[in-house]
């Protein structure tokens, strides 16, 4: 592909544009561990344990799944460390895919992230917080009311993000504190129950491998919830250009952070299995709340429900901030209509980009199945992770790998095989929501692929009605004193 045909969004992704000078490398080892650990220990531990348990049918099997997902995250993070050293700079997958495969696949990565992955995550958080609240209050509502309530939560998150970035980041910090409090409380409640329980044998039985399924496709789809929970193992690559001594800091920090995340997830799952019967845990859409109720009654129930809702809303705000800036940058470079590039001067926030993000989330809110939304988010993520693992072989063939750090070649090979199996697992699992979500995701990718090609080529995008859809509105906004670039 010629330089003239490269997409503007990725012009800054060149080696020159993305490299950082040695003086700008401010992120040291403990900061890297903190970043990766905070990204990996999200609200998945409050949402997905029942999904994993439904897939494997035993407490011991679910612990193996969570451990296996953590090991996959660890191996993937170490492989990404090699990519970060081979292609220096910040930007993560966007840079790697553009440098190895070209602008069109990189644009497809941007489109799937902005239009599928991030909206799915926001809606998962919105519906999960609603489920906790409704179950805590013993309220049953129709599906259309759940959709409407989810849309309201998404809109409120967008309004907060649009009102003030400073307020939004402050709320994220405060609300994330309750996530840590919730995890610590779950473990503490379980220890209290284990000590006071007269039947220790029953607890041991719940943690056994008895009744574990031998159906491989079912085990693979049960991984979706655990894999989604560890999402964030690649977060350091977004700031790799600012990491101090990256050849040492990157692999070691991701190793330490992932091991700590595995420990926390196993501790929480053991806590759930200690307190909750397997049948209750399988059917529960609010396992943390059920644990609090059995441990401390209505007070524990209300406390952990509040912690989960706070954590979910923090994630909604964080994703809204990130995706709206991604859409704004894309509008500045011509990937989406130009009207989304403007900033509302009074608040300093990209209101039009936030509105687009909220609109996408509202559309996804019509899907109330957490399995479908999780499967869509995991598939679109791992399609591009697969490309990055393959890129390691391509870079080694081109002799572009940093000789100071190389993973054993078998590791990316294993991850390529795992990625393929994970992506096609919903089809192998048979009819159901997993297979439906696979075909829906495939259809969305098929729609976005030609768009990614069009916006890559200026000769085609110049006359693309999609990019000039809001031409009159753009001119009016440009003439307004309330908006600027």
Foldseek 3Di string as FASTA:
>chain_A
DDPQLFFPLCPCLALVNFADDLVLQDQEQVNLLVQLLLQLQALLLQFQLLLLCVLFVALQLSLVLLVVLLVLLLLLLQLQLQVCQLRPGADFLLSLCCVQPNRLVSLLLLCCCLQAQLLLLLLLLLLLLVQLVCVLVVHDDDLVVSLVSSLVLLVVLLVQLQQAVVSLVVLLVVLVVLSVVLLVVLLVLLVVCCVPPPCVVQLVRRNDSPPTDPDVLSNLLSSLSSNVSRPSLRVCRNGRSNHNPSLPSRSVSSNVSSVVSSVSSSSNSSSLSSQDPSVCSNPDSRSSLVSLCSRPNSVRNVSSSSSSSSSSSSSSNVSLQVSLVSVLSCLVRLLFAVLQVKAQVVRRHSSSSSVVSSVSSSVVSSDSDSSLSSLLNLLSVLVSSLVSLVSVVVCVVVVSTDPSDDDPNVSSVVSNVSSVCSLCSLVVVDDDSSVVSSVVSVVVSVVCSVSSSQSSGCVRSVPDCRHCVCVVVSVVQVVDPRIDD
